[in-house]
N, C-alpha and C. Protein backbone atom coordinates (compact mmCIF):
# COMPACT_ATOMS: atom_id res chain seq x y z
N MET A 1 82.76 72.95 61.93
CA MET A 1 84.12 72.09 61.76
C MET A 1 82.69 70.82 60.87
N LYS A 2 83.38 70.20 59.70
CA LYS A 2 82.43 70.33 59.10
C LYS A 2 82.68 68.43 59.13
N LEU A 3 82.12 66.89 59.52
CA LEU A 3 81.70 65.44 58.90
C LEU A 3 80.90 65.13 58.18
N THR A 4 81.94 63.69 58.45
CA THR A 4 80.60 62.50 57.17
C THR A 4 80.58 61.83 58.13
N LEU A 5 78.42 62.07 58.24
CA LEU A 5 77.78 60.81 59.25
C LEU A 5 77.68 59.41 58.30
N ARG A 6 77.65 58.58 58.94
CA ARG A 6 76.80 56.95 58.17
C ARG A 6 75.96 56.35 58.95
N VAL A 7 75.01 56.71 58.65
CA VAL A 7 73.79 56.87 59.23
C VAL A 7 72.84 55.64 59.49
N TRP A 8 72.63 54.06 59.38
CA TRP A 8 71.68 52.87 59.38
C TRP A 8 70.41 54.47 59.34
N ARG A 9 69.15 54.05 57.79
CA ARG A 9 68.55 54.04 57.68
C ARG A 9 67.34 52.84 57.61
N GLN A 10 65.48 52.88 58.19
CA GLN A 10 65.25 52.04 57.84
C GLN A 10 63.77 52.91 58.71
N GLN A 11 62.89 52.76 57.04
CA GLN A 11 61.87 52.86 57.72
C GLN A 11 60.65 52.48 58.46
N ASN A 12 60.46 51.26 58.23
CA ASN A 12 60.47 50.58 60.68
C ASN A 12 60.89 49.10 60.26
N ALA A 13 60.03 48.65 60.64
CA ALA A 13 61.14 47.16 61.87
C ALA A 13 60.89 46.42 60.41
N ASP A 14 59.97 45.96 59.75
CA ASP A 14 59.65 45.16 58.30
C ASP A 14 60.54 45.15 57.65
N ALA A 15 61.19 46.60 57.18
CA ALA A 15 62.12 47.37 55.60
C ALA A 15 63.21 47.73 56.35
N PRO A 16 63.67 46.30 55.04
CA PRO A 16 64.49 46.74 54.59
C PRO A 16 65.45 48.33 55.24
N GLY A 17 67.15 47.97 55.07
CA GLY A 17 68.06 49.49 56.06
C GLY A 17 68.84 49.36 54.97
N ALA A 18 69.93 50.74 54.72
CA ALA A 18 71.13 50.70 54.32
C ALA A 18 71.86 52.02 54.89
N MET A 19 72.75 52.24 54.65
CA MET A 19 73.72 52.89 55.48
C MET A 19 72.99 54.04 54.78
N ALA A 20 73.27 55.23 55.05
CA ALA A 20 72.80 56.22 54.09
C ALA A 20 75.03 57.33 54.33
N SER A 21 74.88 58.65 53.79
CA SER A 21 76.01 59.22 53.95
C SER A 21 75.38 60.43 53.88
N TYR A 22 75.28 61.07 55.27
CA TYR A 22 76.13 62.35 55.82
C TYR A 22 76.13 63.86 55.52
N GLU A 23 76.79 64.62 54.88
CA GLU A 23 77.63 65.97 55.17
C GLU A 23 76.93 66.62 56.53
N VAL A 24 77.62 67.28 57.84
CA VAL A 24 76.95 68.05 58.03
C VAL A 24 78.20 68.45 58.33
N ASP A 25 78.22 69.96 58.77
CA ASP A 25 78.52 71.22 58.60
C ASP A 25 78.13 72.16 59.80
N GLY A 26 78.98 73.04 60.18
CA GLY A 26 78.40 73.48 61.82
C GLY A 26 78.61 72.89 63.18
N ILE A 27 79.21 71.57 62.78
CA ILE A 27 79.79 71.46 64.55
C ILE A 27 80.59 71.64 65.28
N SER A 28 80.35 71.75 66.35
CA SER A 28 81.84 72.32 67.22
C SER A 28 82.18 71.50 67.81
N LYS A 29 83.15 71.25 68.47
CA LYS A 29 84.00 70.44 69.31
C LYS A 29 83.38 70.18 70.19
N ASP A 30 83.25 71.39 70.75
CA ASP A 30 82.04 71.32 72.56
C ASP A 30 80.89 69.71 72.45
N MET A 31 80.31 69.28 71.04
CA MET A 31 78.84 69.43 70.93
C MET A 31 79.08 67.97 71.37
N SER A 32 78.60 67.72 71.85
CA SER A 32 77.56 65.66 72.21
C SER A 32 76.81 65.68 70.93
N PHE A 33 77.63 63.95 71.11
CA PHE A 33 77.38 63.11 70.03
C PHE A 33 75.93 63.74 69.54
N LEU A 34 75.34 63.93 70.59
CA LEU A 34 73.36 63.49 70.50
C LEU A 34 72.52 65.18 69.72
N GLU A 35 73.31 66.50 70.57
CA GLU A 35 73.38 66.93 69.84
C GLU A 35 74.39 67.40 68.61
N MET A 36 75.17 66.89 67.78
CA MET A 36 75.85 66.33 66.32
C MET A 36 74.34 65.49 65.91
N LEU A 37 73.52 65.20 66.06
CA LEU A 37 72.50 64.88 65.65
C LEU A 37 71.64 64.73 65.85
N ASP A 38 70.99 65.45 66.82
CA ASP A 38 69.65 66.43 66.89
C ASP A 38 70.00 68.18 65.62
N THR A 39 72.17 68.12 65.15
CA THR A 39 71.60 69.23 64.08
C THR A 39 71.20 68.32 62.20
N LEU A 40 72.08 66.97 62.49
CA LEU A 40 71.58 66.17 60.94
C LEU A 40 70.36 66.87 61.05
N ASN A 41 69.16 65.61 61.99
CA ASN A 41 68.39 66.07 61.65
C ASN A 41 67.60 66.99 61.65
N GLU A 42 67.73 68.28 61.93
CA GLU A 42 67.37 69.42 61.79
C GLU A 42 67.13 70.05 60.49
N ASP A 43 69.05 69.08 60.15
CA ASP A 43 69.01 69.93 58.48
C ASP A 43 68.34 68.80 56.85
N LEU A 44 68.00 67.29 58.03
CA LEU A 44 67.03 66.56 56.67
C LEU A 44 65.72 67.56 56.86
N ILE A 45 65.30 68.28 57.74
CA ILE A 45 64.57 68.99 57.97
C ILE A 45 64.18 69.97 57.42
N LEU A 46 64.39 70.09 57.51
CA LEU A 46 64.47 71.78 56.46
C LEU A 46 64.99 71.23 54.89
N ARG A 47 65.29 69.91 54.99
CA ARG A 47 65.43 69.71 53.22
C ARG A 47 64.62 69.41 52.85
N GLY A 48 63.67 68.71 53.64
CA GLY A 48 62.89 67.93 53.64
C GLY A 48 62.68 66.31 52.92
N GLU A 49 63.51 65.92 53.69
CA GLU A 49 64.75 64.64 53.28
C GLU A 49 63.52 63.36 54.53
N ASP A 50 63.57 64.26 55.59
CA ASP A 50 62.73 63.37 56.71
C ASP A 50 61.77 62.96 57.26
């Protein structure tokens, strides 16, 4: 399954934040919300975005 996630991103508590959209592929209907976020984080790390 392919989903588009809108996530609040902010460098630290004092920095301004904004919503960011990410497309995540390979999501299973059996995954929990936290597992889905783990998949997104792994993708971001591999792309050097986080």
